[in-house]
N, C-alpha and C. Protein backbone atom coordinates (compact mmCIF):
# COMPACT_ATOMS: atom_id res chain seq x y z
N UNK A 1 0.83 -1.21 0.00
CA UNK A 1 0.00 0.00 0.00
C UNK A 1 0.86 1.26 0.00
N UNK A 2 1.87 1.28 0.92
CA UNK A 2 2.75 2.43 1.00
C UNK A 2 3.57 2.58 -0.27
N UNK A 3 4.06 1.45 -0.80
CA UNK A 3 4.85 1.49 -2.04
C UNK A 3 4.03 2.07 -3.18
N UNK A 4 2.76 1.63 -3.27
CA UNK A 4 1.88 2.14 -4.32
C UNK A 4 1.67 3.63 -4.18
N UNK A 5 1.52 4.10 -2.95
CA UNK A 5 1.33 5.53 -2.71
C UNK A 5 2.56 6.33 -3.10
N UNK A 6 3.75 5.81 -2.74
CA UNK A 6 5.00 6.49 -3.09
C UNK A 6 5.16 6.60 -4.60
N UNK A 7 4.88 5.52 -5.32
CA UNK A 7 4.99 5.52 -6.77
C UNK A 7 4.02 6.51 -7.38
N UNK A 8 2.79 6.53 -6.85
CA UNK A 8 1.78 7.45 -7.37
C UNK A 8 2.19 8.90 -7.15
N UNK A 9 2.70 9.20 -5.96
CA UNK A 9 3.15 10.56 -5.67
C UNK A 9 4.31 10.96 -6.58
N UNK A 10 5.27 10.05 -6.76
CA UNK A 10 6.40 10.34 -7.64
C UNK A 10 5.95 10.59 -9.07
N UNK A 11 4.95 9.86 -9.51
CA UNK A 11 4.44 10.05 -10.86
C UNK A 11 3.89 11.46 -11.03
N UNK A 12 3.11 11.92 -10.06
CA UNK A 12 2.57 13.28 -10.14
C UNK A 12 3.68 14.33 -10.00
N UNK A 13 4.66 14.06 -9.15
CA UNK A 13 5.80 14.98 -9.05
C UNK A 13 6.50 15.11 -10.40
N UNK A 14 6.71 13.97 -11.07
CA UNK A 14 7.35 14.01 -12.37
C UNK A 14 6.53 14.74 -13.41
N UNK A 15 5.22 14.51 -13.43
CA UNK A 15 4.35 15.18 -14.40
C UNK A 15 4.38 16.69 -14.19
N UNK A 16 4.23 17.12 -12.94
CA UNK A 16 4.23 18.56 -12.66
C UNK A 16 5.58 19.18 -13.00
N UNK A 17 6.66 18.54 -12.57
CA UNK A 17 7.99 19.10 -12.80
C UNK A 17 8.30 19.19 -14.29
N UNK A 18 7.99 18.15 -15.05
CA UNK A 18 8.28 18.17 -16.48
C UNK A 18 7.34 19.11 -17.23
N UNK A 19 6.08 19.19 -16.80
CA UNK A 19 5.16 20.13 -17.45
C UNK A 19 5.64 21.57 -17.25
N UNK A 20 6.08 21.88 -16.04
CA UNK A 20 6.63 23.22 -15.78
C UNK A 20 7.88 23.45 -16.61
N UNK A 21 8.73 22.43 -16.71
CA UNK A 21 9.94 22.54 -17.52
C UNK A 21 9.61 22.86 -18.97
N UNK A 22 8.66 22.11 -19.54
CA UNK A 22 8.28 22.36 -20.93
C UNK A 22 7.64 23.71 -21.12
N UNK A 23 6.77 24.10 -20.18
CA UNK A 23 6.10 25.39 -20.28
C UNK A 23 7.09 26.55 -20.22
N UNK A 24 8.07 26.45 -19.32
CA UNK A 24 9.06 27.52 -19.21
C UNK A 24 9.95 27.59 -20.44
N UNK A 25 10.21 26.45 -21.06
CA UNK A 25 10.95 26.46 -22.32
C UNK A 25 10.14 27.18 -23.39
N UNK A 26 8.83 26.95 -23.42
CA UNK A 26 7.97 27.63 -24.38
C UNK A 26 7.95 29.14 -24.13
N UNK A 27 7.92 29.53 -22.85
CA UNK A 27 7.96 30.96 -22.50
C UNK A 27 9.28 31.57 -22.94
N UNK A 28 10.36 30.85 -22.70
CA UNK A 28 11.68 31.33 -23.11
C UNK A 28 11.74 31.55 -24.62
N UNK A 29 11.04 30.70 -25.38
CA UNK A 29 11.02 30.81 -26.84
C UNK A 29 9.92 31.75 -27.33
N UNK A 30 9.23 32.43 -26.41
CA UNK A 30 8.19 33.41 -26.74
C UNK A 30 7.04 32.77 -27.53
N UNK A 31 6.64 31.57 -27.13
CA UNK A 31 5.49 30.91 -27.75
C UNK A 31 4.19 31.44 -27.16
N UNK A 32 3.08 31.18 -27.85
CA UNK A 32 1.78 31.59 -27.34
C UNK A 32 1.27 30.56 -26.32
N UNK A 33 0.04 30.77 -25.83
CA UNK A 33 -0.49 29.90 -24.79
C UNK A 33 -0.60 28.45 -25.25
N UNK A 34 -0.98 28.27 -26.51
CA UNK A 34 -1.07 26.91 -27.03
C UNK A 34 0.31 26.25 -27.02
N UNK A 35 1.34 26.99 -27.40
CA UNK A 35 2.69 26.45 -27.38
C UNK A 35 3.12 26.07 -25.98
N UNK A 36 2.73 26.89 -24.99
CA UNK A 36 3.05 26.58 -23.59
C UNK A 36 2.42 25.25 -23.18
N UNK A 37 1.15 25.07 -23.52
CA UNK A 37 0.45 23.84 -23.15
C UNK A 37 1.02 22.63 -23.90
N UNK A 38 1.28 22.80 -25.20
CA UNK A 38 1.79 21.68 -26.00
C UNK A 38 3.15 21.23 -25.50
N UNK A 39 4.06 22.17 -25.24
CA UNK A 39 5.38 21.78 -24.75
C UNK A 39 5.31 21.18 -23.35
N UNK A 40 4.48 21.77 -22.49
CA UNK A 40 4.33 21.21 -21.15
C UNK A 40 3.74 19.81 -21.17
N UNK A 41 2.68 19.64 -21.95
CA UNK A 41 2.01 18.34 -22.08
C UNK A 41 2.97 17.30 -22.64
N UNK A 42 3.67 17.65 -23.70
CA UNK A 42 4.58 16.69 -24.35
C UNK A 42 5.73 16.30 -23.43
N UNK A 43 6.31 17.27 -22.76
CA UNK A 43 7.44 16.99 -21.88
C UNK A 43 7.03 16.05 -20.75
N UNK A 44 5.82 16.26 -20.24
CA UNK A 44 5.36 15.49 -19.09
C UNK A 44 4.93 14.07 -19.44
N UNK A 45 4.40 13.85 -20.63
CA UNK A 45 3.71 12.58 -20.89
C UNK A 45 4.31 11.71 -21.99
N UNK A 46 5.08 12.28 -22.91
CA UNK A 46 5.56 11.49 -24.06
C UNK A 46 6.47 10.34 -23.64
N UNK A 47 7.34 10.56 -22.65
CA UNK A 47 8.25 9.50 -22.21
C UNK A 47 7.49 8.28 -21.71
N UNK A 48 6.46 8.51 -20.88
CA UNK A 48 5.67 7.41 -20.37
C UNK A 48 4.86 6.71 -21.45
N UNK A 49 4.36 7.50 -22.40
CA UNK A 49 3.63 6.91 -23.52
C UNK A 49 4.54 5.99 -24.33
N UNK A 50 5.75 6.44 -24.60
CA UNK A 50 6.71 5.63 -25.36
C UNK A 50 7.04 4.35 -24.61
N UNK A 51 7.26 4.46 -23.32
CA UNK A 51 7.57 3.28 -22.49
C UNK A 51 6.44 2.26 -22.57
N UNK A 52 5.19 2.72 -22.42
CA UNK A 52 4.05 1.80 -22.43
C UNK A 52 3.91 1.10 -23.78
N UNK A 53 4.13 1.85 -24.86
CA UNK A 53 4.04 1.25 -26.20
C UNK A 53 5.09 0.15 -26.35
N UNK A 54 6.31 0.40 -25.88
CA UNK A 54 7.37 -0.60 -25.97
C UNK A 54 7.06 -1.84 -25.13
N UNK A 55 6.34 -1.65 -24.04
CA UNK A 55 5.99 -2.77 -23.17
C UNK A 55 4.69 -3.45 -23.61
N UNK A 56 4.04 -2.91 -24.64
CA UNK A 56 2.80 -3.49 -25.11
C UNK A 56 1.59 -3.09 -24.30
N UNK A 57 1.73 -2.03 -23.51
CA UNK A 57 0.60 -1.52 -22.72
C UNK A 57 -0.14 -0.50 -23.57
N UNK A 58 -1.19 -0.93 -24.23
CA UNK A 58 -1.94 -0.04 -25.11
C UNK A 58 -3.43 -0.13 -24.80
N UNK A 59 -4.11 1.05 -24.88
CA UNK A 59 -3.54 2.38 -25.05
C UNK A 59 -2.75 2.79 -23.80
N UNK A 60 -1.76 3.66 -23.96
CA UNK A 60 -0.90 4.03 -22.83
C UNK A 60 -1.68 4.68 -21.69
N UNK A 61 -1.21 4.43 -20.48
CA UNK A 61 -1.87 4.94 -19.27
C UNK A 61 -1.95 6.46 -19.28
N UNK A 62 -0.90 7.13 -19.79
CA UNK A 62 -0.89 8.59 -19.79
C UNK A 62 -1.98 9.20 -20.66
N UNK A 63 -2.58 8.39 -21.50
CA UNK A 63 -3.69 8.85 -22.33
C UNK A 63 -5.04 8.46 -21.73
N UNK A 64 -5.12 7.26 -21.20
CA UNK A 64 -6.40 6.73 -20.74
C UNK A 64 -6.79 7.22 -19.34
N UNK A 65 -5.79 7.50 -18.48
CA UNK A 65 -6.08 7.94 -17.12
C UNK A 65 -6.13 9.46 -17.10
N UNK A 66 -7.34 10.01 -17.09
CA UNK A 66 -7.56 11.43 -17.31
C UNK A 66 -6.80 12.37 -16.36
N UNK A 67 -6.64 12.04 -15.07
CA UNK A 67 -5.91 12.96 -14.18
C UNK A 67 -4.50 13.30 -14.65
N UNK A 68 -3.83 12.40 -15.39
CA UNK A 68 -2.47 12.69 -15.82
C UNK A 68 -2.42 13.83 -16.84
N UNK A 69 -3.15 13.75 -17.96
CA UNK A 69 -3.11 14.89 -18.89
C UNK A 69 -3.67 16.17 -18.30
N UNK A 70 -4.69 16.06 -17.44
CA UNK A 70 -5.22 17.27 -16.81
C UNK A 70 -4.16 17.92 -15.93
N UNK A 71 -3.46 17.11 -15.15
CA UNK A 71 -2.38 17.64 -14.30
C UNK A 71 -1.31 18.33 -15.14
N UNK A 72 -0.94 17.72 -16.27
CA UNK A 72 0.09 18.31 -17.13
C UNK A 72 -0.36 19.66 -17.68
N UNK A 73 -1.61 19.76 -18.10
CA UNK A 73 -2.12 21.02 -18.66
C UNK A 73 -2.18 22.10 -17.59
N UNK A 74 -2.72 21.75 -16.41
CA UNK A 74 -2.82 22.73 -15.32
C UNK A 74 -1.44 23.20 -14.88
N UNK A 75 -0.50 22.27 -14.75
CA UNK A 75 0.86 22.64 -14.33
C UNK A 75 1.53 23.54 -15.37
N UNK A 76 1.27 23.28 -16.64
CA UNK A 76 1.84 24.12 -17.71
C UNK A 76 1.35 25.55 -17.58
N UNK A 77 0.07 25.72 -17.37
CA UNK A 77 -0.50 27.07 -17.24
C UNK A 77 -0.05 27.74 -15.94
N UNK A 78 0.13 26.92 -14.89
CA UNK A 78 0.59 27.47 -13.61
C UNK A 78 2.00 28.01 -13.68
N UNK A 79 2.76 27.62 -14.70
CA UNK A 79 4.15 28.10 -14.85
C UNK A 79 4.21 29.52 -15.40
N UNK A 80 3.10 30.04 -15.91
CA UNK A 80 3.12 31.36 -16.55
C UNK A 80 3.63 32.47 -15.63
N UNK A 81 3.30 32.48 -14.32
CA UNK A 81 3.83 33.54 -13.46
C UNK A 81 5.35 33.59 -13.38
N UNK A 82 6.02 32.49 -13.77
CA UNK A 82 7.48 32.46 -13.70
C UNK A 82 8.14 33.03 -14.95
N UNK A 83 7.32 33.55 -15.85
CA UNK A 83 7.86 34.06 -17.12
C UNK A 83 8.89 35.15 -16.90
N UNK A 84 8.67 35.99 -15.88
CA UNK A 84 9.60 37.10 -15.65
C UNK A 84 10.99 36.61 -15.31
N UNK A 85 11.10 35.46 -14.64
CA UNK A 85 12.41 34.91 -14.31
C UNK A 85 13.12 34.42 -15.57
N UNK A 86 12.36 33.82 -16.47
CA UNK A 86 12.93 33.37 -17.74
C UNK A 86 13.45 34.56 -18.53
N UNK A 87 12.67 35.63 -18.57
CA UNK A 87 13.06 36.82 -19.33
C UNK A 87 14.30 37.48 -18.74
N UNK A 88 14.56 37.29 -17.45
CA UNK A 88 15.75 37.87 -16.81
C UNK A 88 16.98 37.00 -16.99
N UNK A 89 16.82 35.89 -17.68
CA UNK A 89 17.96 35.02 -17.92
C UNK A 89 18.13 33.93 -16.89
N UNK A 90 17.24 33.89 -15.88
CA UNK A 90 17.29 32.82 -14.89
C UNK A 90 16.49 31.65 -15.45
N UNK A 91 17.00 30.44 -15.35
CA UNK A 91 16.35 29.30 -15.99
C UNK A 91 15.91 28.26 -14.95
N UNK A 92 14.81 28.54 -14.26
CA UNK A 92 14.35 27.58 -13.26
C UNK A 92 13.91 26.26 -13.86
N UNK A 93 13.63 26.25 -15.16
CA UNK A 93 13.17 25.00 -15.77
C UNK A 93 14.23 23.91 -15.69
N UNK A 94 15.50 24.29 -15.60
CA UNK A 94 16.56 23.28 -15.48
C UNK A 94 16.43 22.50 -14.18
N UNK A 95 16.04 23.19 -13.11
CA UNK A 95 15.91 22.52 -11.82
C UNK A 95 14.59 21.74 -11.73
N UNK A 96 13.54 22.28 -12.31
CA UNK A 96 12.30 21.52 -12.41
C UNK A 96 12.53 20.26 -13.23
N UNK A 97 13.28 20.41 -14.30
CA UNK A 97 13.60 19.28 -15.17
C UNK A 97 14.40 18.22 -14.42
N UNK A 98 15.32 18.65 -13.55
CA UNK A 98 16.13 17.70 -12.78
C UNK A 98 15.26 16.87 -11.84
N UNK A 99 14.28 17.51 -11.22
CA UNK A 99 13.37 16.78 -10.34
C UNK A 99 12.53 15.80 -11.14
N UNK A 100 12.02 16.24 -12.28
CA UNK A 100 11.25 15.35 -13.13
C UNK A 100 12.07 14.19 -13.64
N UNK A 101 13.33 14.46 -13.96
CA UNK A 101 14.22 13.40 -14.45
C UNK A 101 14.36 12.29 -13.42
N UNK A 102 14.56 12.68 -12.16
CA UNK A 102 14.69 11.69 -11.11
C UNK A 102 13.42 10.90 -10.89
N UNK A 103 12.29 11.60 -10.81
CA UNK A 103 11.01 10.94 -10.54
C UNK A 103 10.63 9.99 -11.67
N UNK A 104 10.80 10.43 -12.92
CA UNK A 104 10.40 9.59 -14.04
C UNK A 104 11.37 8.43 -14.28
N UNK A 105 12.63 8.61 -13.92
CA UNK A 105 13.56 7.48 -13.98
C UNK A 105 13.08 6.38 -13.03
N UNK A 106 12.70 6.78 -11.82
CA UNK A 106 12.22 5.82 -10.84
C UNK A 106 10.93 5.14 -11.31
N UNK A 107 10.01 5.92 -11.87
CA UNK A 107 8.74 5.37 -12.35
C UNK A 107 9.00 4.37 -13.49
N UNK A 108 9.83 4.78 -14.46
CA UNK A 108 10.12 3.90 -15.59
C UNK A 108 10.78 2.62 -15.14
N UNK A 109 11.70 2.71 -14.20
CA UNK A 109 12.37 1.52 -13.68
C UNK A 109 11.39 0.62 -12.95
N UNK A 110 10.51 1.22 -12.17
CA UNK A 110 9.53 0.44 -11.43
C UNK A 110 8.58 -0.32 -12.36
N UNK A 111 8.08 0.35 -13.38
CA UNK A 111 7.16 -0.29 -14.33
C UNK A 111 7.87 -1.43 -15.06
N UNK A 112 9.12 -1.19 -15.50
CA UNK A 112 9.87 -2.24 -16.18
C UNK A 112 10.14 -3.42 -15.26
N UNK A 113 10.45 -3.14 -14.00
CA UNK A 113 10.71 -4.20 -13.01
C UNK A 113 9.47 -5.06 -12.81
N UNK A 114 8.31 -4.42 -12.71
CA UNK A 114 7.06 -5.15 -12.53
C UNK A 114 6.78 -6.06 -13.72
N UNK A 115 7.18 -5.62 -14.92
CA UNK A 115 6.97 -6.43 -16.13
C UNK A 115 8.03 -7.52 -16.30
N UNK A 116 8.94 -7.65 -15.34
CA UNK A 116 9.92 -8.72 -15.40
C UNK A 116 11.05 -8.48 -16.39
N UNK A 117 11.33 -7.22 -16.71
CA UNK A 117 12.40 -6.90 -17.66
C UNK A 117 13.76 -7.10 -16.98
N UNK A 118 14.76 -7.49 -17.77
CA UNK A 118 16.11 -7.70 -17.22
C UNK A 118 16.74 -6.36 -16.82
N UNK A 119 17.82 -6.39 -16.01
CA UNK A 119 18.41 -5.15 -15.50
C UNK A 119 18.77 -4.13 -16.57
N UNK A 120 19.33 -4.59 -17.70
CA UNK A 120 19.68 -3.65 -18.77
C UNK A 120 18.41 -3.04 -19.37
N UNK A 121 17.39 -3.85 -19.55
CA UNK A 121 16.13 -3.35 -20.07
C UNK A 121 15.48 -2.35 -19.12
N UNK A 122 15.62 -2.59 -17.82
CA UNK A 122 15.10 -1.64 -16.83
C UNK A 122 15.77 -0.28 -16.99
N UNK A 123 17.11 -0.29 -17.14
CA UNK A 123 17.84 0.97 -17.32
C UNK A 123 17.41 1.67 -18.60
N UNK A 124 17.20 0.92 -19.67
CA UNK A 124 16.79 1.51 -20.95
C UNK A 124 15.40 2.13 -20.85
N UNK A 125 14.45 1.40 -20.28
CA UNK A 125 13.09 1.92 -20.18
C UNK A 125 12.98 3.07 -19.17
N UNK A 126 13.79 3.00 -18.12
CA UNK A 126 13.82 4.12 -17.17
C UNK A 126 14.31 5.39 -17.87
N UNK A 127 15.35 5.25 -18.68
CA UNK A 127 15.89 6.40 -19.39
C UNK A 127 14.91 6.93 -20.42
N UNK A 128 14.25 6.03 -21.15
CA UNK A 128 13.27 6.46 -22.15
C UNK A 128 12.13 7.22 -21.48
N UNK A 129 11.66 6.71 -20.35
CA UNK A 129 10.59 7.38 -19.61
C UNK A 129 11.01 8.78 -19.18
N UNK A 130 12.27 8.89 -18.75
CA UNK A 130 12.74 10.15 -18.18
C UNK A 130 13.12 11.18 -19.24
N UNK A 131 13.71 10.76 -20.34
CA UNK A 131 14.24 11.75 -21.30
C UNK A 131 13.40 11.90 -22.55
N UNK A 132 12.45 10.97 -22.77
CA UNK A 132 11.67 11.02 -24.00
C UNK A 132 10.91 12.32 -24.18
N UNK A 133 10.26 12.78 -23.12
CA UNK A 133 9.52 14.04 -23.20
C UNK A 133 10.42 15.23 -23.43
N UNK A 134 11.60 15.23 -22.78
CA UNK A 134 12.54 16.33 -22.95
C UNK A 134 13.08 16.42 -24.37
N UNK A 135 13.27 15.26 -25.01
CA UNK A 135 13.72 15.25 -26.40
C UNK A 135 12.68 15.91 -27.29
N UNK A 136 11.40 15.53 -27.11
CA UNK A 136 10.32 16.13 -27.90
C UNK A 136 10.22 17.62 -27.63
N UNK A 137 10.34 18.01 -26.36
CA UNK A 137 10.30 19.43 -25.99
C UNK A 137 11.35 20.23 -26.75
N UNK A 138 12.58 19.75 -26.73
CA UNK A 138 13.67 20.49 -27.37
C UNK A 138 13.51 20.53 -28.89
N UNK A 139 13.03 19.44 -29.47
CA UNK A 139 12.81 19.43 -30.92
C UNK A 139 11.72 20.42 -31.30
N UNK A 140 10.64 20.47 -30.52
CA UNK A 140 9.57 21.43 -30.80
C UNK A 140 10.05 22.86 -30.61
N UNK A 141 11.03 23.04 -29.71
CA UNK A 141 11.60 24.37 -29.48
C UNK A 141 12.74 24.68 -30.44
N UNK A 142 12.96 23.80 -31.42
CA UNK A 142 13.99 24.00 -32.44
C UNK A 142 15.39 24.05 -31.84
N UNK A 143 15.65 23.14 -30.93
CA UNK A 143 16.97 23.03 -30.31
C UNK A 143 17.47 21.59 -30.44
N UNK A 144 18.79 21.44 -30.43
CA UNK A 144 19.36 20.10 -30.31
C UNK A 144 18.98 19.57 -28.93
N UNK A 145 18.41 18.37 -28.83
CA UNK A 145 17.97 17.87 -27.53
C UNK A 145 19.08 17.91 -26.48
N UNK A 146 18.69 18.35 -25.29
CA UNK A 146 19.63 18.46 -24.17
C UNK A 146 20.34 17.14 -23.91
N UNK A 147 19.61 16.03 -24.12
CA UNK A 147 20.17 14.71 -23.85
C UNK A 147 21.38 14.41 -24.71
N UNK A 148 21.50 15.08 -25.86
CA UNK A 148 22.59 14.81 -26.80
C UNK A 148 23.72 15.83 -26.75
N UNK A 149 23.48 16.97 -26.13
CA UNK A 149 24.45 18.04 -26.32
C UNK A 149 24.89 18.77 -25.06
N UNK A 150 24.22 18.58 -23.94
CA UNK A 150 24.54 19.38 -22.78
C UNK A 150 25.03 18.52 -21.63
N UNK A 151 25.03 19.11 -20.41
CA UNK A 151 25.63 18.44 -19.27
C UNK A 151 25.11 17.02 -19.09
N UNK A 152 25.66 16.33 -18.09
CA UNK A 152 25.22 14.98 -17.76
C UNK A 152 23.71 15.00 -17.57
N UNK A 153 23.00 14.24 -18.40
CA UNK A 153 21.53 14.25 -18.37
C UNK A 153 21.00 12.83 -18.47
N UNK A 154 21.00 12.28 -19.69
CA UNK A 154 20.57 10.89 -19.85
C UNK A 154 21.49 9.96 -19.06
N UNK A 155 22.76 10.33 -18.94
CA UNK A 155 23.70 9.50 -18.17
C UNK A 155 23.23 9.34 -16.73
N UNK A 156 22.71 10.43 -16.14
CA UNK A 156 22.19 10.36 -14.77
C UNK A 156 21.02 9.40 -14.69
N UNK A 157 20.15 9.45 -15.70
CA UNK A 157 18.99 8.56 -15.72
C UNK A 157 19.42 7.09 -15.88
N UNK A 158 20.39 6.85 -16.73
CA UNK A 158 20.88 5.49 -16.93
C UNK A 158 21.49 4.94 -15.63
N UNK A 159 22.24 5.78 -14.94
CA UNK A 159 22.81 5.37 -13.65
C UNK A 159 21.70 4.99 -12.68
N UNK A 160 20.67 5.83 -12.63
CA UNK A 160 19.54 5.53 -11.75
C UNK A 160 18.83 4.25 -12.13
N UNK A 161 18.65 4.04 -13.44
CA UNK A 161 18.00 2.82 -13.90
C UNK A 161 18.80 1.57 -13.54
N UNK A 162 20.12 1.66 -13.68
CA UNK A 162 20.97 0.53 -13.31
C UNK A 162 20.95 0.28 -11.81
N UNK A 163 20.81 1.35 -11.04
CA UNK A 163 20.81 1.21 -9.59
C UNK A 163 19.50 0.64 -9.06
N UNK A 164 18.43 0.81 -9.83
CA UNK A 164 17.11 0.41 -9.31
C UNK A 164 17.02 -1.09 -9.05
N UNK A 165 17.50 -1.89 -9.99
CA UNK A 165 17.32 -3.35 -9.87
C UNK A 165 17.91 -3.91 -8.58
N UNK A 166 19.19 -3.65 -8.25
CA UNK A 166 19.71 -4.19 -6.99
C UNK A 166 19.00 -3.61 -5.77
N UNK A 167 18.59 -2.34 -5.86
CA UNK A 167 17.87 -1.74 -4.73
C UNK A 167 16.52 -2.42 -4.52
N UNK A 168 15.80 -2.69 -5.62
CA UNK A 168 14.49 -3.33 -5.52
C UNK A 168 14.59 -4.77 -5.02
N UNK A 169 15.75 -5.40 -5.23
CA UNK A 169 15.95 -6.77 -4.78
C UNK A 169 16.12 -6.86 -3.26
N UNK A 170 16.58 -5.77 -2.64
CA UNK A 170 16.89 -5.83 -1.22
C UNK A 170 16.05 -4.87 -0.37
N UNK A 171 15.18 -4.09 -1.00
CA UNK A 171 14.37 -3.12 -0.26
C UNK A 171 12.98 -3.03 -0.88
N UNK A 172 12.01 -2.48 -0.16
CA UNK A 172 10.67 -2.30 -0.72
C UNK A 172 10.71 -1.43 -1.97
N UNK A 173 9.80 -1.67 -2.93
CA UNK A 173 9.80 -0.89 -4.18
C UNK A 173 9.70 0.62 -3.96
N UNK A 174 8.91 1.01 -2.96
CA UNK A 174 8.78 2.45 -2.69
C UNK A 174 10.09 3.07 -2.26
N UNK A 175 10.82 2.36 -1.40
CA UNK A 175 12.13 2.86 -0.95
C UNK A 175 13.10 2.95 -2.11
N UNK A 176 13.12 1.91 -2.95
CA UNK A 176 14.01 1.91 -4.11
C UNK A 176 13.70 3.08 -5.03
N UNK A 177 12.42 3.35 -5.24
CA UNK A 177 12.03 4.46 -6.11
C UNK A 177 12.46 5.80 -5.54
N UNK A 178 12.30 5.98 -4.23
CA UNK A 178 12.71 7.24 -3.60
C UNK A 178 14.22 7.44 -3.70
N UNK A 179 14.97 6.37 -3.45
CA UNK A 179 16.43 6.47 -3.52
C UNK A 179 16.87 6.84 -4.93
N UNK A 180 16.27 6.19 -5.93
CA UNK A 180 16.64 6.48 -7.32
C UNK A 180 16.27 7.91 -7.69
N UNK A 181 15.11 8.38 -7.23
CA UNK A 181 14.70 9.76 -7.52
C UNK A 181 15.72 10.74 -6.97
N UNK A 182 16.12 10.55 -5.72
CA UNK A 182 17.09 11.46 -5.09
C UNK A 182 18.44 11.35 -5.79
N UNK A 183 18.86 10.14 -6.10
CA UNK A 183 20.16 9.92 -6.75
C UNK A 183 20.23 10.64 -8.10
N UNK A 184 19.25 10.41 -8.95
CA UNK A 184 19.28 10.99 -10.30
C UNK A 184 19.15 12.50 -10.25
N UNK A 185 18.22 13.00 -9.43
CA UNK A 185 18.05 14.46 -9.33
C UNK A 185 19.31 15.12 -8.80
N UNK A 186 19.96 14.48 -7.83
CA UNK A 186 21.19 15.05 -7.26
C UNK A 186 22.31 15.10 -8.28
N UNK A 187 22.45 14.02 -9.06
CA UNK A 187 23.49 14.01 -10.09
C UNK A 187 23.23 15.11 -11.11
N UNK A 188 21.97 15.24 -11.52
CA UNK A 188 21.63 16.24 -12.53
C UNK A 188 21.85 17.67 -12.01
N UNK A 189 21.44 17.94 -10.78
CA UNK A 189 21.63 19.28 -10.21
C UNK A 189 23.12 19.58 -10.05
N UNK A 190 23.90 18.58 -9.61
CA UNK A 190 25.35 18.78 -9.50
C UNK A 190 25.95 19.08 -10.86
N UNK A 191 25.45 18.41 -11.90
CA UNK A 191 25.95 18.67 -13.26
C UNK A 191 25.64 20.08 -13.70
N UNK A 192 24.45 20.59 -13.34
CA UNK A 192 24.08 21.97 -13.69
C UNK A 192 25.00 22.95 -12.97
N UNK A 193 25.18 22.73 -11.67
CA UNK A 193 25.95 23.68 -10.86
C UNK A 193 27.44 23.65 -11.20
N UNK A 194 27.96 22.48 -11.51
CA UNK A 194 29.41 22.33 -11.71
C UNK A 194 29.81 22.22 -13.17
N UNK A 195 28.80 22.20 -14.07
CA UNK A 195 29.11 22.14 -15.49
C UNK A 195 29.66 20.80 -15.94
N UNK A 196 29.27 19.72 -15.26
CA UNK A 196 29.73 18.39 -15.65
C UNK A 196 29.17 18.03 -17.02
N UNK A 197 29.96 17.41 -17.83
CA UNK A 197 29.49 16.94 -19.14
C UNK A 197 30.39 15.81 -19.62
N UNK A 198 29.86 15.01 -20.51
CA UNK A 198 30.67 13.98 -21.14
C UNK A 198 31.58 14.60 -22.18
N UNK A 199 32.69 13.95 -22.51
CA UNK A 199 33.59 14.49 -23.55
C UNK A 199 32.86 14.64 -24.88
N UNK A 200 33.14 15.73 -25.58
CA UNK A 200 32.55 15.96 -26.90
C UNK A 200 33.22 15.06 -27.94
N UNK A 201 32.40 14.53 -28.84
CA UNK A 201 32.93 13.64 -29.87
C UNK A 201 33.97 14.35 -30.73
N UNK A 202 33.69 15.62 -31.07
CA UNK A 202 34.62 16.35 -31.94
C UNK A 202 35.96 16.57 -31.26
N UNK A 203 35.93 16.91 -29.96
CA UNK A 203 37.18 17.15 -29.24
C UNK A 203 37.99 15.87 -29.12
N UNK A 204 37.30 14.72 -28.95
CA UNK A 204 38.02 13.45 -28.89
C UNK A 204 38.67 13.12 -30.22
N UNK A 205 37.96 13.43 -31.32
CA UNK A 205 38.51 13.16 -32.65
C UNK A 205 39.74 14.02 -32.89
N UNK A 206 39.63 15.31 -32.52
CA UNK A 206 40.78 16.20 -32.70
C UNK A 206 41.96 15.78 -31.84
N UNK A 207 41.66 15.32 -30.62
CA UNK A 207 42.73 14.87 -29.75
C UNK A 207 43.45 13.68 -30.35
N UNK A 208 42.66 12.75 -30.93
CA UNK A 208 43.27 11.60 -31.58
C UNK A 208 44.12 12.00 -32.76
N UNK A 209 43.65 13.00 -33.54
CA UNK A 209 44.43 13.48 -34.68
C UNK A 209 45.75 14.09 -34.22
N UNK A 210 45.70 14.87 -33.14
CA UNK A 210 46.92 15.51 -32.64
C UNK A 210 47.92 14.47 -32.16
N UNK A 211 47.41 13.44 -31.46
CA UNK A 211 48.31 12.40 -30.96
C UNK A 211 48.97 11.64 -32.12
N UNK A 212 48.21 11.35 -33.16
CA UNK A 212 48.79 10.63 -34.31
C UNK A 212 49.82 11.52 -35.02
N UNK A 213 49.51 12.82 -35.09
CA UNK A 213 50.45 13.75 -35.72
C UNK A 213 51.74 13.84 -34.93
N UNK A 214 51.64 13.86 -33.58
CA UNK A 214 52.84 13.94 -32.75
C UNK A 214 53.71 12.68 -32.87
N UNK A 215 53.05 11.53 -32.97
CA UNK A 215 53.81 10.30 -33.09
C UNK A 215 54.53 10.18 -34.45
N UNK A 216 53.89 10.77 -35.49
CA UNK A 216 54.48 10.68 -36.82
C UNK A 216 55.54 11.73 -37.06
N UNK A 217 55.61 12.76 -36.23
CA UNK A 217 56.58 13.85 -36.45
C UNK A 217 57.87 13.59 -35.66
């Protein structure tokens, strides 16, 4: 009972956080009200929809269970008062996004675990749940998705997904979900604050070229 309650609360936390993240991105891009709702809705729900389709859960829960889309729409509109912060160059959506990333990683891992998916599959579905909406958000905002180009993001989700399976084996599912949420959100926030990122492919290629040139000279 408690585990079910924790999972349900985390799901709503993720929906609200990601909806706010998408809405603030729309405000930053000077979109109209429809754009705010579309980006908020997509960011909050697309990852879970994709996960359910891959697991054969059709129609997806994020479509059939009405409170989820309603929550996403309301949270998107509730983000409008924060527009002034976006216009000043402060980007609170990054921190809302970090919270959503942690919560949705835990939710995706939990759903995959319940379906009997192997540990690697759990990590994959957790990551898809967590980053799928953000990818759609950035594409709609005409940006290279954050997951591909900016600080540690999907990597944090993958770490959380990999951590979920051993945690769920030795602790209640609710506890495992909470630990994964805190772990992923903390990694993401630390990456924002400290500028952590994976090595760029281009810089690695250039480094290899320089090393080969030095050896040949």
